[in-house]
Structure formats: structure tokens, C-alpha cells
Amino acid sequence: MTDVYTPYDPTLLPSPVVAYLDARDDHRHADATAAFSPDAVVIDDGRTYRGLDAISAWIATSSTEFTYTSSRLDQWVDDTRRAVVRVRLDGNFPGGTVVLRHGFDLAAGRIERLVIEV
């Protein structure tokens, strides 16, 4: 099955996904961390971060490592448990522009797994 992406519309996404993305864009690291379940897992750039302490440190580091702007392009929503949002980043990192696929798995109103990949 191929994911069918539709234009970005936060009203159609599970609320923890929108809360996380908004908090990241606003540099509210504690609020971004609060969107995750206590035993959540994040996989980004070949590394795995488990639990809120590791995820909080990842958010703080990845938010300040480079200067960038983000634009939410489109989304795919399976149901209230799975969503994907593609985000374009433009900044001073190598390559200057990248589109990242943020795959969210949710449970009990929180993000339990986030996989970020090109």
C-alpha cells in the first residue's frame, strides 16, 4: 500500500502530533517533550532515543544545533494511532534544504514512537 499524502491540515491530525510540531517550531522544548509517553522512542539520524530524559535532551540539541525554518508540507493519516507529516527544513545545515518524513505512532493520547527520515 502506498501512502497518499494530502495538503497539511492540522485539524485532521491527532492532537499530540500538532502539539509536538507547534512546540518544536516555537522552541518550547518542555511542551514538545510532554507530547510523548514516558516510554516513548524517537529514531532520528540513525540514533535511537528512549524515554523522556533522552527525548528531552534530543529535542534541546536538535533544536539548537542549526538555524532553520520549517514548513509543513503534507500529511498522511491512517487513524488516531498513526500519522505522517512531511516537513521541509531550510537552514545553515549541510545541504541547506531537506524534506523530512515524521512518522508518528500514538497510544493513550501521546506519541509512543517517532521516526524521522528523509
PDB file of N, CA and C in Angstrom:
ATOM      1  N   MET A   1       0.831  -1.183   0.000  1.00  0.00           N
ATOM      2  CA  MET A   1       0.000   0.000   0.000  1.00  0.00           C
ATOM      3  C   MET A   1       0.876   1.247   0.000  1.00  0.00           C
ATOM      4  N   THR A   2       0.537   2.209  -0.819  1.00  0.00           N
ATOM      5  CA  THR A   2       1.273   3.456  -0.893  1.00  0.00           C
ATOM      6  C   THR A   2       0.553   4.521  -0.083  1.00  0.00           C
ATOM      7  N   ASP A   3       1.294   5.255   0.729  1.00  0.00           N
ATOM      8  CA  ASP A   3       0.706   6.349   1.493  1.00  0.00           C
ATOM      9  C   ASP A   3       0.246   7.426   0.520  1.00  0.00           C
ATOM     10  N   VAL A   4      -0.962   7.939   0.717  1.00  0.00           N
ATOM     11  CA  VAL A   4      -1.474   9.035  -0.082  1.00  0.00           C
ATOM     12  C   VAL A   4      -1.440  10.277   0.791  1.00  0.00           C
ATOM     13  N   TYR A   5      -0.614  11.233   0.393  1.00  0.00           N
ATOM     14  CA  TYR A   5      -0.465  12.458   1.157  1.00  0.00           C
ATOM     15  C   TYR A   5      -1.478  13.493   0.698  1.00  0.00           C
ATOM     16  N   THR A   6      -2.010  14.240   1.669  1.00  0.00           N
ATOM     17  CA  THR A   6      -2.915  15.339   1.398  1.00  0.00           C
ATOM     18  C   THR A   6      -2.274  16.615   1.932  1.00  0.00           C
ATOM     19  N   PRO A   7      -2.699  17.786   1.455  1.00  0.00           N
ATOM     20  CA  PRO A   7      -2.118  19.025   1.966  1.00  0.00           C
ATOM     21  C   PRO A   7      -2.203  19.093   3.491  1.00  0.00           C
ATOM     22  N   TYR A   8      -1.231  19.734   4.091  1.00  0.00           N
ATOM     23  CA  TYR A   8      -1.176  19.827   5.550  1.00  0.00           C
ATOM     24  C   TYR A   8      -2.434  20.510   6.082  1.00  0.00           C
ATOM     25  N   ASP A   9      -3.072  19.848   7.040  1.00  0.00           N
ATOM     26  CA  ASP A   9      -4.269  20.374   7.692  1.00  0.00           C
ATOM     27  C   ASP A   9      -4.257  19.892   9.134  1.00  0.00           C
ATOM     28  N   PRO A  10      -3.864  20.764  10.067  1.00  0.00           N
ATOM     29  CA  PRO A  10      -3.746  20.329  11.460  1.00  0.00           C
ATOM     30  C   PRO A  10      -5.066  19.852  12.063  1.00  0.00           C
ATOM     31  N   THR A  11      -6.194  20.264  11.508  1.00  0.00           N
ATOM     32  CA  THR A  11      -7.472  19.835  12.068  1.00  0.00           C
ATOM     33  C   THR A  11      -7.746  18.357  11.821  1.00  0.00           C
ATOM     34  N   LEU A  12      -7.004  17.752  10.893  1.00  0.00           N
ATOM     35  CA  LEU A  12      -7.201  16.338  10.579  1.00  0.00           C
ATOM     36  C   LEU A  12      -6.164  15.432  11.232  1.00  0.00           C
ATOM     37  N   LEU A  13      -5.230  16.012  11.969  1.00  0.00           N
ATOM     38  CA  LEU A  13      -4.166  15.245  12.627  1.00  0.00           C
ATOM     39  C   LEU A  13      -4.510  14.986  14.090  1.00  0.00           C
ATOM     40  N   PRO A  14      -4.003  13.893  14.655  1.00  0.00           N
ATOM     41  CA  PRO A  14      -4.158  13.675  16.096  1.00  0.00           C
ATOM     42  C   PRO A  14      -3.524  14.831  16.872  1.00  0.00           C
ATOM     43  N   SER A  15      -4.165  15.260  17.939  1.00  0.00           N
ATOM     44  CA  SER A  15      -3.704  16.444  18.678  1.00  0.00           C
ATOM     45  C   SER A  15      -2.275  16.343  19.213  1.00  0.00           C
ATOM     46  N   PRO A  16      -1.771  15.173  19.646  1.00  0.00           N
ATOM     47  CA  PRO A  16      -0.381  15.144  20.113  1.00  0.00           C
ATOM     48  C   PRO A  16       0.629  15.483  19.001  1.00  0.00           C
ATOM     49  N   VAL A  17       0.302  15.133  17.770  1.00  0.00           N
ATOM     50  CA  VAL A  17       1.202  15.436  16.645  1.00  0.00           C
ATOM     51  C   VAL A  17       1.296  16.942  16.454  1.00  0.00           C
ATOM     52  N   VAL A  18       0.151  17.603  16.433  1.00  0.00           N
ATOM     53  CA  VAL A  18       0.132  19.057  16.253  1.00  0.00           C
ATOM     54  C   VAL A  18       0.793  19.752  17.443  1.00  0.00           C
ATOM     55  N   ALA A  19       0.519  19.263  18.656  1.00  0.00           N
ATOM     56  CA  ALA A  19       1.127  19.850  19.853  1.00  0.00           C
ATOM     57  C   ALA A  19       2.653  19.761  19.789  1.00  0.00           C
ATOM     58  N   TYR A  20       3.165  18.602  19.391  1.00  0.00           N
ATOM     59  CA  TYR A  20       4.616  18.418  19.274  1.00  0.00           C
ATOM     60  C   TYR A  20       5.198  19.351  18.214  1.00  0.00           C
ATOM     61  N   LEU A  21       4.616  19.354  17.012  1.00  0.00           N
ATOM     62  CA  LEU A  21       5.157  20.180  15.922  1.00  0.00           C
ATOM     63  C   LEU A  21       5.109  21.663  16.275  1.00  0.00           C
ATOM     64  N   ASP A  22       3.997  22.117  16.844  1.00  0.00           N
ATOM     65  CA  ASP A  22       3.885  23.529  17.234  1.00  0.00           C
ATOM     66  C   ASP A  22       4.923  23.889  18.293  1.00  0.00           C
ATOM     67  N   ALA A  23       5.074  23.031  19.292  1.00  0.00           N
ATOM     68  CA  ALA A  23       6.042  23.311  20.366  1.00  0.00           C
ATOM     69  C   ALA A  23       7.470  23.340  19.823  1.00  0.00           C
ATOM     70  N   ARG A  24       7.802  22.409  18.914  1.00  0.00           N
ATOM     71  CA  ARG A  24       9.146  22.416  18.310  1.00  0.00           C
ATOM     72  C   ARG A  24       9.397  23.720  17.560  1.00  0.00           C
ATOM     73  N   ASP A  25       8.410  24.127  16.749  1.00  0.00           N
ATOM     74  CA  ASP A  25       8.574  25.357  15.964  1.00  0.00           C
ATOM     75  C   ASP A  25       8.698  26.593  16.850  1.00  0.00           C
ATOM     76  N   ASP A  26       8.052  26.561  18.027  1.00  0.00           N
ATOM     77  CA  ASP A  26       8.086  27.701  18.949  1.00  0.00           C
ATOM     78  C   ASP A  26       9.215  27.597  19.976  1.00  0.00           C
ATOM     79  N   HIS A  27      10.057  26.581  19.847  1.00  0.00           N
ATOM     80  CA  HIS A  27      11.191  26.354  20.761  1.00  0.00           C
ATOM     81  C   HIS A  27      10.728  26.170  22.216  1.00  0.00           C
ATOM     82  N   ARG A  28       9.572  25.561  22.386  1.00  0.00           N
ATOM     83  CA  ARG A  28       9.056  25.211  23.718  1.00  0.00           C
ATOM     84  C   ARG A  28       9.384  23.741  23.960  1.00  0.00           C
ATOM     85  N   HIS A  29      10.621  23.505  24.374  1.00  0.00           N
ATOM     86  CA  HIS A  29      11.137  22.145  24.478  1.00  0.00           C
ATOM     87  C   HIS A  29      10.373  21.290  25.484  1.00  0.00           C
ATOM     88  N   ALA A  30      10.006  21.857  26.625  1.00  0.00           N
ATOM     89  CA  ALA A  30       9.274  21.079  27.632  1.00  0.00           C
ATOM     90  C   ALA A  30       7.902  20.671  27.101  1.00  0.00           C
ATOM     91  N   ASP A  31       7.247  21.561  26.370  1.00  0.00           N
ATOM     92  CA  ASP A  31       5.940  21.230  25.796  1.00  0.00           C
ATOM     93  C   ASP A  31       6.073  20.165  24.713  1.00  0.00           C
ATOM     94  N   ALA A  32       7.128  20.230  23.922  1.00  0.00           N
ATOM     95  CA  ALA A  32       7.359  19.200  22.898  1.00  0.00           C
ATOM     96  C   ALA A  32       7.577  17.844  23.563  1.00  0.00           C
ATOM     97  N   THR A  33       8.347  17.811  24.622  1.00  0.00           N
ATOM     98  CA  THR A  33       8.602  16.567  25.351  1.00  0.00           C
ATOM     99  C   THR A  33       7.317  16.018  25.961  1.00  0.00           C
ATOM    100  N   ALA A  34       6.450  16.908  26.430  1.00  0.00           N
ATOM    101  CA  ALA A  34       5.202  16.482  27.083  1.00  0.00           C
ATOM    102  C   ALA A  34       4.250  15.744  26.139  1.00  0.00           C
ATOM    103  N   ALA A  35       4.460  15.847  24.838  1.00  0.00           N
ATOM    104  CA  ALA A  35       3.603  15.145  23.874  1.00  0.00           C
ATOM    105  C   ALA A  35       3.906  13.647  23.818  1.00  0.00           C
ATOM    106  N   PHE A  36       5.015  13.222  24.432  1.00  0.00           N
ATOM    107  CA  PHE A  36       5.451  11.817  24.367  1.00  0.00           C
ATOM    108  C   PHE A  36       5.013  11.033  25.596  1.00  0.00           C
ATOM    109  N   SER A  37       4.805   9.744  25.409  1.00  0.00           N
ATOM    110  CA  SER A  37       4.545   8.851  26.536  1.00  0.00           C
ATOM    111  C   SER A  37       5.854   8.623  27.291  1.00  0.00           C
ATOM    112  N   PRO A  38       5.785   8.221  28.549  1.00  0.00           N
ATOM    113  CA  PRO A  38       7.011   8.041  29.344  1.00  0.00           C
ATOM    114  C   PRO A  38       8.014   7.058  28.751  1.00  0.00           C
ATOM    115  N   ASP A  39       7.549   6.038  28.046  1.00  0.00           N
ATOM    116  CA  ASP A  39       8.455   5.039  27.484  1.00  0.00           C
ATOM    117  C   ASP A  39       8.600   5.182  25.966  1.00  0.00           C
ATOM    118  N   ALA A  40       8.382   6.386  25.464  1.00  0.00           N
ATOM    119  CA  ALA A  40       8.437   6.636  24.018  1.00  0.00           C
ATOM    120  C   ALA A  40       9.829   6.414  23.445  1.00  0.00           C
ATOM    121  N   VAL A  41       9.858   6.256  22.122  1.00  0.00           N
ATOM    122  CA  VAL A  41      11.097   6.069  21.372  1.00  0.00           C
ATOM    123  C   VAL A  41      11.102   7.049  20.203  1.00  0.00           C
ATOM    124  N   VAL A  42      12.255   7.693  19.997  1.00  0.00           N
ATOM    125  CA  VAL A  42      12.469   8.544  18.827  1.00  0.00           C
ATOM    126  C   VAL A  42      13.659   7.985  18.067  1.00  0.00           C
ATOM    127  N   ILE A  43      13.497   7.850  16.760  1.00  0.00           N
ATOM    128  CA  ILE A  43      14.601   7.442  15.892  1.00  0.00           C
ATOM    129  C   ILE A  43      14.836   8.581  14.914  1.00  0.00           C
ATOM    130  N   ASP A  44      16.042   9.135  14.955  1.00  0.00           N
ATOM    131  CA  ASP A  44      16.390  10.274  14.111  1.00  0.00           C
ATOM    132  C   ASP A  44      17.868  10.210  13.769  1.00  0.00           C
ATOM    133  N   ASP A  45      18.175  10.403  12.510  1.00  0.00           N
ATOM    134  CA  ASP A  45      19.553  10.494  12.042  1.00  0.00           C
ATOM    135  C   ASP A  45      20.394   9.286  12.483  1.00  0.00           C
ATOM    136  N   GLY A  46      19.772   8.094  12.428  1.00  0.00           N
ATOM    137  CA  GLY A  46      20.483   6.862  12.753  1.00  0.00           C
ATOM    138  C   GLY A  46      20.650   6.590  14.241  1.00  0.00           C
ATOM    139  N   ARG A  47      20.046   7.404  15.076  1.00  0.00           N
ATOM    140  CA  ARG A  47      20.162   7.214  16.526  1.00  0.00           C
ATOM    141  C   ARG A  47      18.792   6.975  17.134  1.00  0.00           C
ATOM    142  N   THR A  48      18.777   6.237  18.244  1.00  0.00           N
ATOM    143  CA  THR A  48      17.545   5.934  18.950  1.00  0.00           C
ATOM    144  C   THR A  48      17.593   6.575  20.329  1.00  0.00           C
ATOM    145  N   TYR A  49      16.498   7.231  20.695  1.00  0.00           N
ATOM    146  CA  TYR A  49      16.364   7.905  21.991  1.00  0.00           C
ATOM    147  C   TYR A  49      15.165   7.284  22.700  1.00  0.00           C
ATOM    148  N   ARG A  50      15.395   6.744  23.897  1.00  0.00           N
ATOM    149  CA  ARG A  50      14.342   6.046  24.641  1.00  0.00           C
ATOM    150  C   ARG A  50      14.058   6.758  25.953  1.00  0.00           C
ATOM    151  N   GLY A  51      12.782   7.003  26.205  1.00  0.00           N
ATOM    152  CA  GLY A  51      12.371   7.624  27.459  1.00  0.00           C
ATOM    153  C   GLY A  51      12.418   9.141  27.393  1.00  0.00           C
ATOM    154  N   LEU A  52      11.708   9.764  28.326  1.00  0.00           N
ATOM    155  CA  LEU A  52      11.549  11.217  28.289  1.00  0.00           C
ATOM    156  C   LEU A  52      12.844  11.991  28.495  1.00  0.00           C
ATOM    157  N   ASP A  53      13.748  11.501  29.334  1.00  0.00           N
ATOM    158  CA  ASP A  53      15.010  12.222  29.544  1.00  0.00           C
ATOM    159  C   ASP A  53      15.826  12.277  28.257  1.00  0.00           C
ATOM    160  N   ALA A  54      15.940  11.140  27.581  1.00  0.00           N
ATOM    161  CA  ALA A  54      16.703  11.092  26.326  1.00  0.00           C
ATOM    162  C   ALA A  54      16.016  11.911  25.241  1.00  0.00           C
ATOM    163  N   ILE A  55      14.695  11.831  25.181  1.00  0.00           N
ATOM    164  CA  ILE A  55      13.957  12.590  24.169  1.00  0.00           C
ATOM    165  C   ILE A  55      14.064  14.083  24.429  1.00  0.00           C
ATOM    166  N   SER A  56      13.965  14.490  25.668  1.00  0.00           N
ATOM    167  CA  SER A  56      14.112  15.904  26.022  1.00  0.00           C
ATOM    168  C   SER A  56      15.487  16.434  25.618  1.00  0.00           C
ATOM    169  N   ALA A  57      16.531  15.665  25.891  1.00  0.00           N
ATOM    170  CA  ALA A  57      17.892  16.076  25.504  1.00  0.00           C
ATOM    171  C   ALA A  57      18.020  16.150  23.987  1.00  0.00           C
ATOM    172  N   TRP A  58      17.428  15.182  23.268  1.00  0.00           N
ATOM    173  CA  TRP A  58      17.455  15.197  21.797  1.00  0.00           C
ATOM    174  C   TRP A  58      16.751  16.437  21.255  1.00  0.00           C
ATOM    175  N   ILE A  59      15.580  16.765  21.811  1.00  0.00           N
ATOM    176  CA  ILE A  59      14.847  17.946  21.358  1.00  0.00           C
ATOM    177  C   ILE A  59      15.694  19.198  21.556  1.00  0.00           C
ATOM    178  N   ALA A  60      16.275  19.358  22.724  1.00  0.00           N
ATOM    179  CA  ALA A  60      17.085  20.550  23.006  1.00  0.00           C
ATOM    180  C   ALA A  60      18.280  20.647  22.066  1.00  0.00           C
ATOM    181  N   THR A  61      18.975  19.546  21.851  1.00  0.00           N
ATOM    182  CA  THR A  61      20.166  19.553  20.998  1.00  0.00           C
ATOM    183  C   THR A  61      19.807  19.765  19.529  1.00  0.00           C
ATOM    184  N   SER A  62      18.821  19.023  19.043  1.00  0.00           N
ATOM    185  CA  SER A  62      18.480  19.115  17.621  1.00  0.00           C
ATOM    186  C   SER A  62      17.817  20.444  17.277  1.00  0.00           C
ATOM    187  N   SER A  63      17.237  21.111  18.256  1.00  0.00           N
ATOM    188  CA  SER A  63      16.597  22.406  18.013  1.00  0.00           C
ATOM    189  C   SER A  63      17.600  23.554  17.929  1.00  0.00           C
ATOM    190  N   THR A  64      18.772  23.350  18.499  1.00  0.00           N
ATOM    191  CA  THR A  64      19.741  24.451  18.562  1.00  0.00           C
ATOM    192  C   THR A  64      21.021  24.198  17.772  1.00  0.00           C
ATOM    193  N   GLU A  65      21.170  23.005  17.227  1.00  0.00           N
ATOM    194  CA  GLU A  65      22.390  22.660  16.501  1.00  0.00           C
ATOM    195  C   GLU A  65      22.572  23.528  15.252  1.00  0.00           C
ATOM    196  N   PHE A  66      21.463  23.815  14.560  1.00  0.00           N
ATOM    197  CA  PHE A  66      21.489  24.644  13.360  1.00  0.00           C
ATOM    198  C   PHE A  66      20.359  25.665  13.434  1.00  0.00           C
ATOM    199  N   THR A  67      20.480  26.712  12.632  1.00  0.00           N
ATOM    200  CA  THR A  67      19.401  27.671  12.484  1.00  0.00           C
ATOM    201  C   THR A  67      18.608  27.266  11.246  1.00  0.00           C
ATOM    202  N   TYR A  68      17.296  27.159  11.391  1.00  0.00           N
ATOM    203  CA  TYR A  68      16.484  26.707  10.264  1.00  0.00           C
ATOM    204  C   TYR A  68      15.044  27.196  10.410  1.00  0.00           C
ATOM    205  N   THR A  69      14.336  27.151   9.306  1.00  0.00           N
ATOM    206  CA  THR A  69      12.894  27.365   9.306  1.00  0.00           C
ATOM    207  C   THR A  69      12.251  26.070   8.834  1.00  0.00           C
ATOM    208  N   SER A  70      11.034  25.839   9.282  1.00  0.00           N
ATOM    209  CA  SER A  70      10.338  24.626   8.871  1.00  0.00           C
ATOM    210  C   SER A  70       8.999  24.990   8.244  1.00  0.00           C
ATOM    211  N   SER A  71       8.624  24.195   7.250  1.00  0.00           N
ATOM    212  CA  SER A  71       7.343  24.352   6.577  1.00  0.00           C
ATOM    213  C   SER A  71       6.690  22.977   6.501  1.00  0.00           C
ATOM    214  N   ARG A  72       5.507  22.864   7.037  1.00  0.00           N
ATOM    215  CA  ARG A  72       4.766  21.600   6.990  1.00  0.00           C
ATOM    216  C   ARG A  72       4.106  21.487   5.618  1.00  0.00           C
ATOM    217  N   LEU A  73       4.493  20.465   4.891  1.00  0.00           N
ATOM    218  CA  LEU A  73       4.054  20.336   3.500  1.00  0.00           C
ATOM    219  C   LEU A  73       2.750  19.565   3.347  1.00  0.00           C
ATOM    220  N   ASP A  74       2.737  18.346   3.854  1.00  0.00           N
ATOM    221  CA  ASP A  74       1.580  17.493   3.663  1.00  0.00           C
ATOM    222  C   ASP A  74       1.559  16.410   4.725  1.00  0.00           C
ATOM    223  N   GLN A  75       0.534  15.564   4.656  1.00  0.00           N
ATOM    224  CA  GLN A  75       0.341  14.574   5.709  1.00  0.00           C
ATOM    225  C   GLN A  75      -0.369  13.347   5.174  1.00  0.00           C
ATOM    226  N   TRP A  76      -0.249  12.297   5.943  1.00  0.00           N
ATOM    227  CA  TRP A  76      -0.970  11.049   5.718  1.00  0.00           C
ATOM    228  C   TRP A  76      -1.440  10.594   7.084  1.00  0.00           C
ATOM    229  N   VAL A  77      -2.707  10.304   7.208  1.00  0.00           N
ATOM    230  CA  VAL A  77      -3.266   9.874   8.490  1.00  0.00           C
ATOM    231  C   VAL A  77      -3.979   8.546   8.281  1.00  0.00           C
ATOM    232  N   ASP A  78      -3.567   7.538   9.051  1.00  0.00           N
ATOM    233  CA  ASP A  78      -4.199   6.227   8.993  1.00  0.00           C
ATOM    234  C   ASP A  78      -5.457   6.245   9.856  1.00  0.00           C
ATOM    235  N   ASP A  79      -5.306   6.659  11.081  1.00  0.00           N
ATOM    236  CA  ASP A  79      -6.397   6.788  12.044  1.00  0.00           C
ATOM    237  C   ASP A  79      -5.836   7.583  13.213  1.00  0.00           C
ATOM    238  N   THR A  80      -6.388   7.434  14.385  1.00  0.00           N
ATOM    239  CA  THR A  80      -5.885   8.184  15.536  1.00  0.00           C
ATOM    240  C   THR A  80      -4.607   7.592  16.117  1.00  0.00           C
ATOM    241  N   ARG A  81      -4.106   6.501  15.526  1.00  0.00           N
ATOM    242  CA  ARG A  81      -2.885   5.859  16.044  1.00  0.00           C
ATOM    243  C   ARG A  81      -1.666   6.050  15.158  1.00  0.00           C
ATOM    244  N   ARG A  82      -1.825   6.511  13.929  1.00  0.00           N
ATOM    245  CA  ARG A  82      -0.682   6.598  13.011  1.00  0.00           C
ATOM    246  C   ARG A  82      -0.854   7.802  12.100  1.00  0.00           C
ATOM    247  N   ALA A  83       0.197   8.606  12.008  1.00  0.00           N
ATOM    248  CA  ALA A  83       0.185   9.768  11.121  1.00  0.00           C
ATOM    249  C   ALA A  83       1.600  10.041  10.646  1.00  0.00           C
ATOM    250  N   VAL A  84       1.699  10.607   9.459  1.00  0.00           N
ATOM    251  CA  VAL A  84       2.983  11.018   8.900  1.00  0.00           C
ATOM    252  C   VAL A  84       2.835  12.458   8.421  1.00  0.00           C
ATOM    253  N   VAL A  85       3.811  13.292   8.763  1.00  0.00           N
ATOM    254  CA  VAL A  85       3.829  14.680   8.301  1.00  0.00           C
ATOM    255  C   VAL A  85       5.176  14.915   7.630  1.00  0.00           C
ATOM    256  N   ARG A  86       5.139  15.447   6.418  1.00  0.00           N
ATOM    257  CA  ARG A  86       6.387  15.810   5.745  1.00  0.00           C
ATOM    258  C   ARG A  86       6.649  17.289   5.986  1.00  0.00           C
ATOM    259  N   VAL A  87       7.883  17.558   6.410  1.00  0.00           N
ATOM    260  CA  VAL A  87       8.288  18.896   6.797  1.00  0.00           C
ATOM    261  C   VAL A  87       9.543  19.282   6.012  1.00  0.00           C
ATOM    262  N   ARG A  88       9.516  20.458   5.420  1.00  0.00           N
ATOM    263  CA  ARG A  88      10.691  20.975   4.715  1.00  0.00           C
ATOM    264  C   ARG A  88      11.461  21.883   5.668  1.00  0.00           C
ATOM    265  N   LEU A  89      12.767  21.624   5.786  1.00  0.00           N
ATOM    266  CA  LEU A  89      13.653  22.466   6.581  1.00  0.00           C
ATOM    267  C   LEU A  89      14.595  23.202   5.646  1.00  0.00           C
ATOM    268  N   ASP A  90      14.749  24.494   5.871  1.00  0.00           N
ATOM    269  CA  ASP A  90      15.713  25.323   5.158  1.00  0.00           C
ATOM    270  C   ASP A  90      16.583  25.989   6.206  1.00  0.00           C
ATOM    271  N   GLY A  91      17.924  25.812   6.079  1.00  0.00           N
ATOM    272  CA  GLY A  91      18.775  26.387   7.105  1.00  0.00           C
ATOM    273  C   GLY A  91      20.242  26.307   6.783  1.00  0.00           C
ATOM    274  N   ASN A  92      21.048  26.477   7.829  1.00  0.00           N
ATOM    275  CA  ASN A  92      22.502  26.521   7.666  1.00  0.00           C
ATOM    276  C   ASN A  92      23.167  25.168   7.926  1.00  0.00           C
ATOM    277  N   PHE A  93      22.439  24.089   7.761  1.00  0.00           N
ATOM    278  CA  PHE A  93      22.988  22.739   7.894  1.00  0.00           C
ATOM    279  C   PHE A  93      23.508  22.284   6.529  1.00  0.00           C
ATOM    280  N   PRO A  94      24.333  21.239   6.481  1.00  0.00           N
ATOM    281  CA  PRO A  94      24.859  20.766   5.194  1.00  0.00           C
ATOM    282  C   PRO A  94      23.719  20.455   4.215  1.00  0.00           C
ATOM    283  N   GLY A  95      23.815  21.008   3.026  1.00  0.00           N
ATOM    284  CA  GLY A  95      22.782  20.818   2.012  1.00  0.00           C
ATOM    285  C   GLY A  95      21.758  21.936   1.994  1.00  0.00           C
ATOM    286  N   GLY A  96      21.518  22.577   3.128  1.00  0.00           N
ATOM    287  CA  GLY A  96      20.667  23.757   3.206  1.00  0.00           C
ATOM    288  C   GLY A  96      19.171  23.518   3.161  1.00  0.00           C
ATOM    289  N   THR A  97      18.723  22.454   2.510  1.00  0.00           N
ATOM    290  CA  THR A  97      17.287  22.143   2.411  1.00  0.00           C
ATOM    291  C   THR A  97      17.099  20.633   2.455  1.00  0.00           C
ATOM    292  N   VAL A  98      16.080  20.216   3.191  1.00  0.00           N
ATOM    293  CA  VAL A  98      15.750  18.794   3.254  1.00  0.00           C
ATOM    294  C   VAL A  98      14.256  18.655   3.547  1.00  0.00           C
ATOM    295  N   VAL A  99      13.649  17.626   3.004  1.00  0.00           N
ATOM    296  CA  VAL A  99      12.274  17.275   3.354  1.00  0.00           C
ATOM    297  C   VAL A  99      12.343  16.012   4.199  1.00  0.00           C
ATOM    298  N   LEU A 100      11.815  16.119   5.413  1.00  0.00           N
ATOM    299  CA  LEU A 100      11.849  15.004   6.357  1.00  0.00           C
ATOM    300  C   LEU A 100      10.454  14.448   6.563  1.00  0.00           C
ATOM    301  N   ARG A 101      10.392  13.150   6.646  1.00  0.00           N
ATOM    302  CA  ARG A 101       9.145  12.424   6.898  1.00  0.00           C
ATOM    303  C   ARG A 101       9.116  12.101   8.391  1.00  0.00           C
ATOM    304  N   HIS A 102       8.138  12.650   9.110  1.00  0.00           N
ATOM    305  CA  HIS A 102       7.960  12.407  10.538  1.00  0.00           C
ATOM    306  C   HIS A 102       6.830  11.390  10.702  1.00  0.00           C
ATOM    307  N   GLY A 103       7.171  10.157  11.055  1.00  0.00           N
ATOM    308  CA  GLY A 103       6.184   9.100  11.246  1.00  0.00           C
ATOM    309  C   GLY A 103       5.853   8.945  12.723  1.00  0.00           C
ATOM    310  N   PHE A 104       4.604   9.158  13.073  1.00  0.00           N
ATOM    311  CA  PHE A 104       4.150   9.121  14.463  1.00  0.00           C
ATOM    312  C   PHE A 104       3.279   7.898  14.716  1.00  0.00           C
ATOM    313  N   ASP A 105       3.566   7.180  15.799  1.00  0.00           N
ATOM    314  CA  ASP A 105       2.683   6.151  16.324  1.00  0.00           C
ATOM    315  C   ASP A 105       2.206   6.658  17.674  1.00  0.00           C
ATOM    316  N   LEU A 106       0.898   6.561  17.909  1.00  0.00           N
ATOM    317  CA  LEU A 106       0.311   7.132  19.117  1.00  0.00           C
ATOM    318  C   LEU A 106      -0.440   6.083  19.925  1.00  0.00           C
ATOM    319  N   ALA A 107      -0.519   6.327  21.226  1.00  0.00           N
ATOM    320  CA  ALA A 107      -1.308   5.483  22.129  1.00  0.00           C
ATOM    321  C   ALA A 107      -1.679   6.319  23.341  1.00  0.00           C
ATOM    322  N   ALA A 108      -2.903   6.148  23.803  1.00  0.00           N
ATOM    323  CA  ALA A 108      -3.381   6.819  25.017  1.00  0.00           C
ATOM    324  C   ALA A 108      -3.146   8.331  24.981  1.00  0.00           C
ATOM    325  N   GLY A 109      -3.343   8.932  23.811  1.00  0.00           N
ATOM    326  CA  GLY A 109      -3.239  10.379  23.696  1.00  0.00           C
ATOM    327  C   GLY A 109      -1.838  10.951  23.706  1.00  0.00           C
ATOM    328  N   ARG A 110      -0.837  10.111  23.480  1.00  0.00           N
ATOM    329  CA  ARG A 110       0.558  10.569  23.456  1.00  0.00           C
ATOM    330  C   ARG A 110       1.313   9.905  22.310  1.00  0.00           C
ATOM    331  N   ILE A 111       2.446  10.493  21.963  1.00  0.00           N
ATOM    332  CA  ILE A 111       3.318   9.899  20.950  1.00  0.00           C
ATOM    333  C   ILE A 111       4.117   8.794  21.624  1.00  0.00           C
ATOM    334  N   GLU A 112       4.046   7.594  21.069  1.00  0.00           N
ATOM    335  CA  GLU A 112       4.838   6.497  21.652  1.00  0.00           C
ATOM    336  C   GLU A 112       6.053   6.169  20.787  1.00  0.00           C
ATOM    337  N   ARG A 113       6.018   6.610  19.516  1.00  0.00           N
ATOM    338  CA  ARG A 113       7.169   6.377  18.628  1.00  0.00           C
ATOM    339  C   ARG A 113       7.153   7.459  17.557  1.00  0.00           C
ATOM    340  N   LEU A 114       8.328   8.025  17.309  1.00  0.00           N
ATOM    341  CA  LEU A 114       8.521   8.996  16.233  1.00  0.00           C
ATOM    342  C   LEU A 114       9.755   8.570  15.453  1.00  0.00           C
ATOM    343  N   VAL A 115       9.578   8.386  14.147  1.00  0.00           N
ATOM    344  CA  VAL A 115      10.685   8.059  13.275  1.00  0.00           C
ATOM    345  C   VAL A 115      10.813   9.200  12.267  1.00  0.00           C
ATOM    346  N   ILE A 116      11.994   9.811  12.215  1.00  0.00           N
ATOM    347  CA  ILE A 116      12.252  10.899  11.288  1.00  0.00           C
ATOM    348  C   ILE A 116      13.252  10.412  10.253  1.00  0.00           C
ATOM    349  N   GLU A 117      12.855  10.522   8.983  1.00  0.00           N
ATOM    350  CA  GLU A 117      13.727  10.038   7.903  1.00  0.00           C
ATOM    351  C   GLU A 117      13.522  10.887   6.662  1.00  0.00           C
ATOM    352  N   VAL A 118      14.514  10.799   5.770  1.00  0.00           N
ATOM    353  CA  VAL A 118      14.449  11.531   4.518  1.00  0.00           C
ATOM    354  C   VAL A 118      13.512  10.817   3.566  1.00  0.00           C
TER     355      VAL A 118
END
